[in-house]
Every structure is written in C-alpha cells, then in structure tokens.
C-alpha cells in the first residue's frame, strides 16, 4: 500500500474525530450533549454601572437597587432600596400599612468599613403608601457594597414585636 494513501486516510479519520472530541467535554467527565435552541441567559451585573445615566435635564439620575416587595400577614407591605446619585448613597423603604395600627420603622443603611446610618420613621395606620429615607452620605467605595434593611415593629414606640424585615439585597422567593 502506498504511504500517501495511509497518510491521507489517517488525516481524514483525525479530521472527522476532532469535532467529536472537542464537544465531549473534559476527559473523564460525563458527556453532555448540547441542547439545540437553548440560549444561556446573561448573568445580571454584579455591580452598579461605572457611569450613571443622565436624566432629561443633564443631571445624573439616581440608580436604585431594590430587594423584593414583601408582605406580612399583619398587613405591612414593604420594599427596601439603596439609591446612588451624584456621589451620594442613601437607603429608602417604600411601605403600605393596612393594619390600621400606628407602627414604627427603623431603616438602616450599611456600607463599607462598618459604616451604618439609621432613620426612625413613624408609620401611620391606613392604606396610603409612604416612604422612609436615611440621610444621604458621600459614597465610600463602590455603591454595590451598600445595603439597607427596614424593620417594622408592632407599636408606635417601637417596643412591639417585629412584624416585617425588608432588605435591599434579599433574594426573591423562588417557586418550588
């Protein structure tokens, strides 16, 4: 047999097997066939954008990172966020108190280096939405290193039981 034919046959076999080897995955691991038509989802950004979007008048618009909206069986609804704008960061919680009782809320903004700022807010009884904010402070480090937590207590003086805790970095409940 001619050596050229053997060399050509070997090259054809190697060229045919190369795509199969490349798709087989790491040696010794299970071979998982690719699923056609499935496009992997891009992961959400881990940090706030490097540049903040501008509002219509040329000023920098606030960036808001919020946890899920939560509802307690006591009739408190809340969502807590961290806002960053023009080099300042602060916490805000949006709430609705349908319990009919006056409550109190403590909103804490926590940042790098153990920095914490708190606001105490009275929460009127009724169905009207409201909000509570911490004071703005100069952003130290990356905005993604800040988080906020709001706690709602069952009395206007804050001595009642904890009714709801809402955080800006809470994971949304997953369906089972």
Protein backbone atom coordinates (compact mmCIF):
# COMPACT_ATOMS: atom_id res chain seq x y z
CA UNK A 1 0.00 0.00 0.00
CA UNK A 2 1.17 3.47 -0.76
CA UNK A 3 2.25 5.59 2.24
CA UNK A 4 0.41 8.58 0.79
CA UNK A 5 -2.90 6.73 0.90
CA UNK A 6 -2.32 5.66 4.52
CA UNK A 7 -1.35 9.22 5.50
CA UNK A 8 -4.41 10.62 3.73
CA UNK A 9 -6.71 8.07 5.35
CA UNK A 10 -5.28 8.88 8.78
CA UNK A 11 -5.76 12.62 8.17
CA UNK A 12 -9.40 12.08 7.13
CA UNK A 13 -10.14 9.97 10.23
CA UNK A 14 -8.46 12.54 12.54
CA UNK A 15 -10.34 15.42 10.90
CA UNK A 16 -13.63 13.56 11.36
CA UNK A 17 -12.99 12.75 15.04
CA UNK A 18 -11.65 16.18 16.06
CA UNK A 19 -15.09 17.89 16.28
CA UNK A 20 -16.42 14.98 18.37
CA UNK A 21 -13.50 15.21 20.80
CA UNK A 22 -13.92 18.97 21.14
CA UNK A 23 -17.59 18.60 22.09
CA UNK A 24 -17.07 15.74 24.53
CA UNK A 25 -16.02 17.96 27.43
CA UNK A 26 -13.21 17.32 29.88
CA UNK A 27 -11.57 13.93 29.89
CA UNK A 28 -13.14 11.55 32.35
CA UNK A 29 -16.25 13.70 32.85
CA UNK A 30 -19.76 12.84 31.72
CA UNK A 31 -20.57 13.61 28.13
CA UNK A 32 -23.50 16.01 27.99
CA UNK A 33 -24.92 16.61 24.54
CA UNK A 34 -25.57 20.26 23.69
CA UNK A 35 -29.23 21.29 23.72
CA UNK A 36 -30.27 22.89 20.50
CA UNK A 37 -32.23 26.14 20.61
CA UNK A 38 -31.26 26.96 24.21
CA UNK A 39 -29.53 30.29 24.66
CA UNK A 40 -27.82 30.78 28.04
CA UNK A 41 -29.03 33.81 29.99
CA UNK A 42 -26.55 36.53 30.74
CA UNK A 43 -25.82 36.94 34.43
CA UNK A 44 -27.05 40.20 35.96
CA UNK A 45 -24.34 42.75 36.59
CA UNK A 46 -22.69 42.29 39.96
CA UNK A 47 -22.12 45.99 40.49
CA UNK A 48 -23.77 49.28 39.71
CA UNK A 49 -22.74 50.77 36.36
CA UNK A 50 -19.47 52.73 36.27
CA UNK A 51 -21.24 55.76 34.84
CA UNK A 52 -24.69 56.79 35.93
CA UNK A 53 -27.37 57.60 33.36
CA UNK A 54 -28.29 61.22 32.81
CA UNK A 55 -31.81 62.50 33.37
CA UNK A 56 -33.53 64.71 30.81
CA UNK A 57 -32.04 67.94 32.20
CA UNK A 58 -28.41 66.76 32.07
CA UNK A 59 -28.19 65.89 35.77
CA UNK A 60 -27.19 62.38 36.82
CA UNK A 61 -30.27 60.23 37.54
CA UNK A 62 -30.40 58.12 40.70
CA UNK A 63 -29.65 54.40 40.42
CA UNK A 64 -31.90 52.29 42.64
CA UNK A 65 -31.13 48.69 43.74
CA UNK A 66 -34.11 47.10 45.48
CA UNK A 67 -34.91 43.84 47.16
CA UNK A 68 -38.26 42.11 46.59
CA UNK A 69 -41.58 43.60 47.67
CA UNK A 70 -42.69 41.72 50.80
CA UNK A 71 -45.99 41.42 52.64
CA UNK A 72 -46.51 40.27 56.22
CA UNK A 73 -49.66 38.57 57.44
CA UNK A 74 -50.07 41.56 59.77
CA UNK A 75 -50.84 43.85 56.82
CA UNK A 76 -47.46 45.51 56.24
CA UNK A 77 -46.08 45.73 52.70
CA UNK A 78 -42.54 46.98 52.08
CA UNK A 79 -39.73 47.16 49.59
CA UNK A 80 -36.29 48.45 50.57
CA UNK A 81 -33.72 50.00 48.23
CA UNK A 82 -30.28 51.59 48.10
CA UNK A 83 -30.05 54.70 45.93
CA UNK A 84 -26.93 56.31 44.48
CA UNK A 85 -26.83 59.69 42.78
CA UNK A 86 -24.07 62.24 42.12
CA UNK A 87 -21.64 60.59 44.56
CA UNK A 88 -24.21 60.20 47.37
CA UNK A 89 -25.79 56.99 48.67
CA UNK A 90 -28.85 56.54 50.89
CA UNK A 91 -31.48 53.97 51.84
CA UNK A 92 -35.20 54.15 51.19
CA UNK A 93 -38.09 51.86 52.05
CA UNK A 94 -41.48 52.08 50.39
CA UNK A 95 -44.31 50.79 52.56
CA UNK A 96 -48.04 50.45 52.99
CA UNK A 97 -49.62 49.74 56.37
CA UNK A 98 -53.10 48.28 56.05
CA UNK A 99 -53.12 47.01 59.65
CA UNK A 100 -54.82 50.19 60.88
CA UNK A 101 -52.33 50.50 63.75
CA UNK A 102 -49.61 53.12 64.05
CA UNK A 103 -46.22 51.45 63.80
CA UNK A 104 -42.58 52.41 63.78
CA UNK A 105 -39.90 51.58 61.28
CA UNK A 106 -36.12 51.62 61.63
CA UNK A 107 -34.26 51.91 58.33
CA UNK A 108 -30.54 51.09 58.42
CA UNK A 109 -28.07 51.81 55.63
CA UNK A 110 -24.88 49.77 55.96
CA UNK A 111 -21.74 50.44 53.96
CA UNK A 112 -18.06 49.65 53.68
CA UNK A 113 -15.93 49.74 56.82
CA UNK A 114 -18.83 49.06 59.19
CA UNK A 115 -20.48 52.42 58.46
CA UNK A 116 -24.17 52.46 59.45
CA UNK A 117 -26.78 55.21 59.25
CA UNK A 118 -30.26 54.82 60.77
CA UNK A 119 -33.58 56.60 60.47
CA UNK A 120 -36.62 56.10 62.71
CA UNK A 121 -39.92 56.70 60.94
CA UNK A 122 -43.50 56.76 62.18
CA UNK A 123 -45.76 54.60 60.02
CA UNK A 124 -49.35 55.82 60.02
CA UNK A 125 -52.19 53.31 60.08
CA UNK A 126 -54.16 53.37 56.85
CA UNK A 127 -53.93 52.27 53.26
CA UNK A 128 -51.82 55.17 51.94
CA UNK A 129 -48.35 54.33 50.64
CA UNK A 130 -45.40 56.03 52.29
CA UNK A 131 -41.64 56.02 52.35
CA UNK A 132 -38.79 56.47 54.80
CA UNK A 133 -35.21 57.51 53.94
CA UNK A 134 -31.85 57.65 55.64
CA UNK A 135 -29.80 60.81 55.25
CA UNK A 136 -27.63 60.93 52.13
CA UNK A 137 -23.95 60.35 52.66
CA UNK A 138 -20.94 60.57 50.37
CA UNK A 139 -20.40 57.21 48.67
CA UNK A 140 -17.28 55.50 50.01
CA UNK A 141 -16.05 52.85 47.61
CA UNK A 142 -18.37 51.05 45.22
CA UNK A 143 -22.14 51.61 45.52
CA UNK A 144 -22.70 47.83 45.30
CA UNK A 145 -21.08 47.50 48.74
CA UNK A 146 -24.06 49.24 50.41
CA UNK A 147 -27.26 47.59 51.57
CA UNK A 148 -30.32 48.67 53.51
CA UNK A 149 -32.68 46.91 55.93
CA UNK A 150 -36.05 48.17 57.19
CA UNK A 151 -37.70 46.69 60.28
CA UNK A 152 -41.33 47.37 61.17
CA UNK A 153 -42.40 46.98 64.82
CA UNK A 154 -45.91 46.48 66.15
CA UNK A 155 -46.23 49.74 68.11
CA UNK A 156 -45.62 53.44 67.57
CA UNK A 157 -42.88 53.47 70.25
CA UNK A 158 -41.00 50.54 68.68
CA UNK A 159 -41.41 48.20 71.65
CA UNK A 160 -43.85 45.81 69.95
CA UNK A 161 -42.97 42.62 68.11
CA UNK A 162 -41.13 42.65 64.78
CA UNK A 163 -43.77 42.46 62.04
CA UNK A 164 -41.64 42.65 58.90
CA UNK A 165 -37.99 42.90 57.88
CA UNK A 166 -37.24 44.01 54.31
CA UNK A 167 -33.79 44.23 52.74
CA UNK A 168 -32.29 45.71 49.61
CA UNK A 169 -30.22 42.60 48.97
CA UNK A 170 -32.83 39.98 49.81
CA UNK A 171 -33.31 37.20 47.33
CA UNK A 172 -36.74 36.95 45.75
CA UNK A 173 -38.68 33.87 46.86
CA UNK A 174 -38.27 31.01 44.40
CA UNK A 175 -41.13 28.93 43.07
CA UNK A 176 -40.98 25.26 44.01
